[in-house]
Amino acid sequence: MDTIAATLFFVVPHATELNPVTVFFYHVFGLPGVVLAAACYAALVVFIGHILSDPLDIKFVGLVVLLYIVFVTNNVLLLVFHEPLPEFLGV
């Protein structure tokens, strides 16, 4: 879902992708670069998860999943309602 949202940031005029790595991959490879950037992020999380000890591994993966859910929610709200998550929640 995040990959789709990030891809739409490059084709929808009212949204902007802020991640510099994703923007760089987009400029080098076009829209497939956005998917490649997302795959690289996922591979990095899996790699770090294998290095950490078991208790830290569980906490790390849980934190990454929680942050990812927040970021994906923000991206989807920005694309659909033209508002980021804090404005949507009235914060």
N, C-alpha and C. Protein backbone atom coordinates (compact mmCIF):
# COMPACT_ATOMS: atom_id res chain seq x y z
N MET A 1 0.82 -1.18 0.00
CA MET A 1 0.00 0.00 0.00
C MET A 1 0.87 1.26 0.00
N ASP A 2 1.96 1.22 0.78
CA ASP A 2 2.87 2.37 0.83
C ASP A 2 3.55 2.58 -0.51
N THR A 3 3.90 1.51 -1.19
CA THR A 3 4.53 1.63 -2.51
C THR A 3 3.58 2.30 -3.49
N ILE A 4 2.31 1.93 -3.44
CA ILE A 4 1.32 2.54 -4.32
C ILE A 4 1.16 4.03 -3.98
N ALA A 5 1.08 4.34 -2.69
CA ALA A 5 0.95 5.74 -2.28
C ALA A 5 2.17 6.54 -2.70
N ALA A 6 3.37 6.00 -2.49
CA ALA A 6 4.59 6.72 -2.88
C ALA A 6 4.64 6.91 -4.40
N THR A 7 4.20 5.92 -5.15
CA THR A 7 4.17 6.05 -6.61
C THR A 7 3.20 7.16 -7.02
N LEU A 8 2.07 7.23 -6.36
CA LEU A 8 1.09 8.26 -6.69
C LEU A 8 1.60 9.66 -6.38
N PHE A 9 2.53 9.78 -5.40
CA PHE A 9 3.10 11.09 -5.09
C PHE A 9 3.78 11.70 -6.31
N PHE A 10 4.25 10.87 -7.23
CA PHE A 10 4.95 11.38 -8.40
C PHE A 10 4.00 11.70 -9.56
N VAL A 11 2.76 11.24 -9.49
CA VAL A 11 1.82 11.49 -10.58
C VAL A 11 0.65 12.38 -10.19
N VAL A 12 0.49 12.63 -8.89
CA VAL A 12 -0.59 13.49 -8.40
C VAL A 12 0.00 14.86 -8.08
N PRO A 13 -0.55 15.92 -8.66
CA PRO A 13 0.08 17.24 -8.49
C PRO A 13 0.02 17.83 -7.09
N HIS A 14 -0.94 17.43 -6.24
CA HIS A 14 -1.07 18.05 -4.92
C HIS A 14 -0.25 17.37 -3.83
N ALA A 15 0.51 16.34 -4.15
CA ALA A 15 1.29 15.62 -3.14
C ALA A 15 2.77 15.63 -3.53
N THR A 16 3.61 15.53 -2.51
CA THR A 16 5.06 15.54 -2.74
C THR A 16 5.71 14.45 -1.90
N GLU A 17 6.55 13.65 -2.51
CA GLU A 17 7.32 12.64 -1.78
C GLU A 17 8.51 13.33 -1.15
N LEU A 18 8.68 13.17 0.15
CA LEU A 18 9.75 13.85 0.88
C LEU A 18 10.99 12.99 1.08
N ASN A 19 10.86 11.67 0.90
CA ASN A 19 12.00 10.79 1.14
C ASN A 19 13.03 10.96 0.03
N PRO A 20 14.23 11.45 0.35
CA PRO A 20 15.22 11.73 -0.71
C PRO A 20 15.71 10.48 -1.44
N VAL A 21 15.73 9.33 -0.78
CA VAL A 21 16.17 8.10 -1.44
C VAL A 21 15.15 7.68 -2.49
N THR A 22 13.88 7.75 -2.14
CA THR A 22 12.83 7.40 -3.09
C THR A 22 12.84 8.36 -4.27
N VAL A 23 13.04 9.65 -4.00
CA VAL A 23 13.10 10.65 -5.07
C VAL A 23 14.29 10.37 -5.99
N PHE A 24 15.44 10.03 -5.41
CA PHE A 24 16.63 9.72 -6.22
C PHE A 24 16.38 8.50 -7.11
N PHE A 25 15.82 7.43 -6.52
CA PHE A 25 15.53 6.23 -7.31
C PHE A 25 14.52 6.54 -8.41
N TYR A 26 13.56 7.42 -8.12
CA TYR A 26 12.58 7.81 -9.14
C TYR A 26 13.27 8.53 -10.30
N HIS A 27 14.19 9.43 -9.98
CA HIS A 27 14.88 10.17 -11.04
C HIS A 27 15.79 9.27 -11.88
N VAL A 28 16.34 8.23 -11.25
CA VAL A 28 17.23 7.33 -11.97
C VAL A 28 16.45 6.28 -12.77
N PHE A 29 15.42 5.66 -12.17
CA PHE A 29 14.73 4.53 -12.77
C PHE A 29 13.28 4.80 -13.17
N GLY A 30 12.75 5.98 -12.86
CA GLY A 30 11.34 6.26 -13.13
C GLY A 30 10.46 5.62 -12.06
N LEU A 31 9.21 5.35 -12.40
CA LEU A 31 8.28 4.76 -11.42
C LEU A 31 8.74 3.41 -10.88
N PRO A 32 9.41 2.54 -11.67
CA PRO A 32 9.93 1.31 -11.07
C PRO A 32 10.95 1.58 -9.96
N GLY A 33 11.59 2.74 -9.98
CA GLY A 33 12.53 3.10 -8.92
C GLY A 33 11.85 3.26 -7.57
N VAL A 34 10.58 3.67 -7.58
CA VAL A 34 9.82 3.79 -6.33
C VAL A 34 9.62 2.41 -5.72
N VAL A 35 9.27 1.45 -6.55
CA VAL A 35 9.09 0.08 -6.08
C VAL A 35 10.43 -0.48 -5.60
N LEU A 36 11.50 -0.20 -6.33
CA LEU A 36 12.84 -0.65 -5.93
C LEU A 36 13.23 -0.06 -4.58
N ALA A 37 12.95 1.22 -4.36
CA ALA A 37 13.26 1.85 -3.08
C ALA A 37 12.50 1.16 -1.95
N ALA A 38 11.23 0.87 -2.16
CA ALA A 38 10.42 0.19 -1.13
C ALA A 38 10.98 -1.20 -0.84
N ALA A 39 11.41 -1.91 -1.87
CA ALA A 39 12.00 -3.24 -1.67
C ALA A 39 13.32 -3.14 -0.90
N CYS A 40 14.09 -2.11 -1.18
CA CYS A 40 15.36 -1.90 -0.45
C CYS A 40 15.09 -1.62 1.03
N TYR A 41 14.07 -0.80 1.32
CA TYR A 41 13.73 -0.54 2.72
C TYR A 41 13.33 -1.82 3.43
N ALA A 42 12.51 -2.64 2.78
CA ALA A 42 12.07 -3.89 3.39
C ALA A 42 13.25 -4.82 3.62
N ALA A 43 14.15 -4.91 2.65
CA ALA A 43 15.34 -5.77 2.81
C ALA A 43 16.22 -5.27 3.95
N LEU A 44 16.35 -3.97 4.10
CA LEU A 44 17.16 -3.41 5.18
C LEU A 44 16.56 -3.75 6.54
N VAL A 45 15.25 -3.66 6.66
CA VAL A 45 14.59 -4.01 7.93
C VAL A 45 14.79 -5.48 8.25
N VAL A 46 14.65 -6.36 7.26
CA VAL A 46 14.85 -7.79 7.48
C VAL A 46 16.30 -8.06 7.86
N PHE A 47 17.26 -7.42 7.19
CA PHE A 47 18.68 -7.60 7.48
C PHE A 47 19.00 -7.17 8.92
N ILE A 48 18.52 -5.99 9.32
CA ILE A 48 18.78 -5.52 10.68
C ILE A 48 18.12 -6.44 11.69
N GLY A 49 16.92 -6.91 11.36
CA GLY A 49 16.22 -7.84 12.26
C GLY A 49 16.97 -9.12 12.49
N HIS A 50 17.74 -9.58 11.50
CA HIS A 50 18.52 -10.82 11.67
C HIS A 50 19.78 -10.59 12.48
N ILE A 51 20.26 -9.37 12.55
CA ILE A 51 21.48 -9.07 13.31
C ILE A 51 21.18 -8.93 14.80
N LEU A 52 20.03 -8.39 15.14
CA LEU A 52 19.68 -8.13 16.54
C LEU A 52 19.39 -9.42 17.28
N SER A 53 19.58 -9.37 18.61
CA SER A 53 19.22 -10.53 19.43
C SER A 53 17.70 -10.63 19.49
N ASP A 54 17.20 -11.77 19.94
CA ASP A 54 15.77 -12.05 19.87
C ASP A 54 14.89 -11.01 20.58
N PRO A 55 15.16 -10.63 21.85
CA PRO A 55 14.27 -9.62 22.47
C PRO A 55 14.30 -8.28 21.74
N LEU A 56 15.49 -7.84 21.30
CA LEU A 56 15.59 -6.58 20.58
C LEU A 56 14.96 -6.71 19.20
N ASP A 57 15.07 -7.89 18.61
CA ASP A 57 14.51 -8.13 17.29
C ASP A 57 13.00 -7.91 17.31
N ILE A 58 12.35 -8.45 18.30
CA ILE A 58 10.89 -8.33 18.40
C ILE A 58 10.50 -6.87 18.61
N LYS A 59 11.21 -6.15 19.46
CA LYS A 59 10.92 -4.74 19.70
C LYS A 59 11.18 -3.91 18.45
N PHE A 60 12.28 -4.21 17.76
CA PHE A 60 12.63 -3.46 16.54
C PHE A 60 11.57 -3.65 15.47
N VAL A 61 11.21 -4.88 15.21
CA VAL A 61 10.21 -5.16 14.18
C VAL A 61 8.87 -4.54 14.56
N GLY A 62 8.49 -4.63 15.83
CA GLY A 62 7.24 -4.01 16.29
C GLY A 62 7.24 -2.51 16.09
N LEU A 63 8.36 -1.85 16.42
CA LEU A 63 8.47 -0.40 16.24
C LEU A 63 8.42 -0.02 14.77
N VAL A 64 9.13 -0.78 13.93
CA VAL A 64 9.12 -0.49 12.49
C VAL A 64 7.72 -0.66 11.91
N VAL A 65 7.03 -1.71 12.30
CA VAL A 65 5.66 -1.94 11.81
C VAL A 65 4.75 -0.80 12.27
N LEU A 66 4.85 -0.38 13.52
CA LEU A 66 4.02 0.70 14.03
C LEU A 66 4.29 2.01 13.27
N LEU A 67 5.56 2.35 13.10
CA LEU A 67 5.90 3.56 12.36
C LEU A 67 5.43 3.47 10.91
N TYR A 68 5.59 2.31 10.31
CA TYR A 68 5.18 2.11 8.93
C TYR A 68 3.68 2.32 8.77
N ILE A 69 2.90 1.81 9.72
CA ILE A 69 1.45 1.99 9.67
C ILE A 69 1.09 3.47 9.75
N VAL A 70 1.77 4.20 10.63
CA VAL A 70 1.51 5.65 10.74
C VAL A 70 1.85 6.35 9.44
N PHE A 71 3.02 6.03 8.86
CA PHE A 71 3.44 6.69 7.62
C PHE A 71 2.52 6.35 6.45
N VAL A 72 2.12 5.11 6.35
CA VAL A 72 1.21 4.70 5.27
C VAL A 72 -0.13 5.40 5.43
N THR A 73 -0.63 5.45 6.65
CA THR A 73 -1.90 6.14 6.90
C THR A 73 -1.80 7.60 6.50
N ASN A 74 -0.69 8.24 6.87
CA ASN A 74 -0.48 9.64 6.49
C ASN A 74 -0.46 9.80 4.97
N ASN A 75 0.25 8.93 4.28
CA ASN A 75 0.34 9.02 2.82
C ASN A 75 -1.02 8.84 2.16
N VAL A 76 -1.79 7.87 2.62
CA VAL A 76 -3.11 7.62 2.03
C VAL A 76 -4.04 8.79 2.29
N LEU A 77 -4.05 9.32 3.52
CA LEU A 77 -4.89 10.48 3.82
C LEU A 77 -4.49 11.69 3.00
N LEU A 78 -3.20 11.88 2.81
CA LEU A 78 -2.72 13.00 2.02
C LEU A 78 -3.18 12.88 0.57
N LEU A 79 -3.14 11.67 0.04
CA LEU A 79 -3.57 11.47 -1.35
C LEU A 79 -5.08 11.58 -1.51
N VAL A 80 -5.83 11.02 -0.59
CA VAL A 80 -7.29 10.97 -0.74
C VAL A 80 -7.95 12.28 -0.31
N PHE A 81 -7.53 12.81 0.85
CA PHE A 81 -8.21 13.98 1.40
C PHE A 81 -7.39 15.28 1.30
N HIS A 82 -6.19 15.20 0.75
CA HIS A 82 -5.30 16.35 0.60
C HIS A 82 -4.88 16.92 1.95
N GLU A 83 -4.95 16.11 3.01
CA GLU A 83 -4.55 16.55 4.35
C GLU A 83 -3.65 15.49 4.98
N PRO A 84 -2.57 15.92 5.67
CA PRO A 84 -1.76 14.94 6.41
C PRO A 84 -2.50 14.47 7.66
N LEU A 85 -2.01 13.42 8.26
CA LEU A 85 -2.66 12.80 9.43
C LEU A 85 -2.93 13.78 10.56
N PRO A 86 -1.97 14.63 10.98
CA PRO A 86 -2.28 15.56 12.09
C PRO A 86 -3.45 16.50 11.79
N GLU A 87 -3.51 17.03 10.58
CA GLU A 87 -4.63 17.92 10.23
C GLU A 87 -5.94 17.14 10.15
N PHE A 88 -5.88 15.90 9.65
CA PHE A 88 -7.08 15.08 9.55
C PHE A 88 -7.66 14.79 10.93
N LEU A 89 -6.76 14.59 11.91
CA LEU A 89 -7.20 14.31 13.28
C LEU A 89 -7.53 15.57 14.07
N GLY A 90 -7.24 16.74 13.48
CA GLY A 90 -7.53 18.01 14.14
C GLY A 90 -6.50 18.40 15.18
N VAL A 91 -5.30 17.87 15.05
CA VAL A 91 -4.22 18.17 16.01
C VAL A 91 -3.49 19.41 15.58
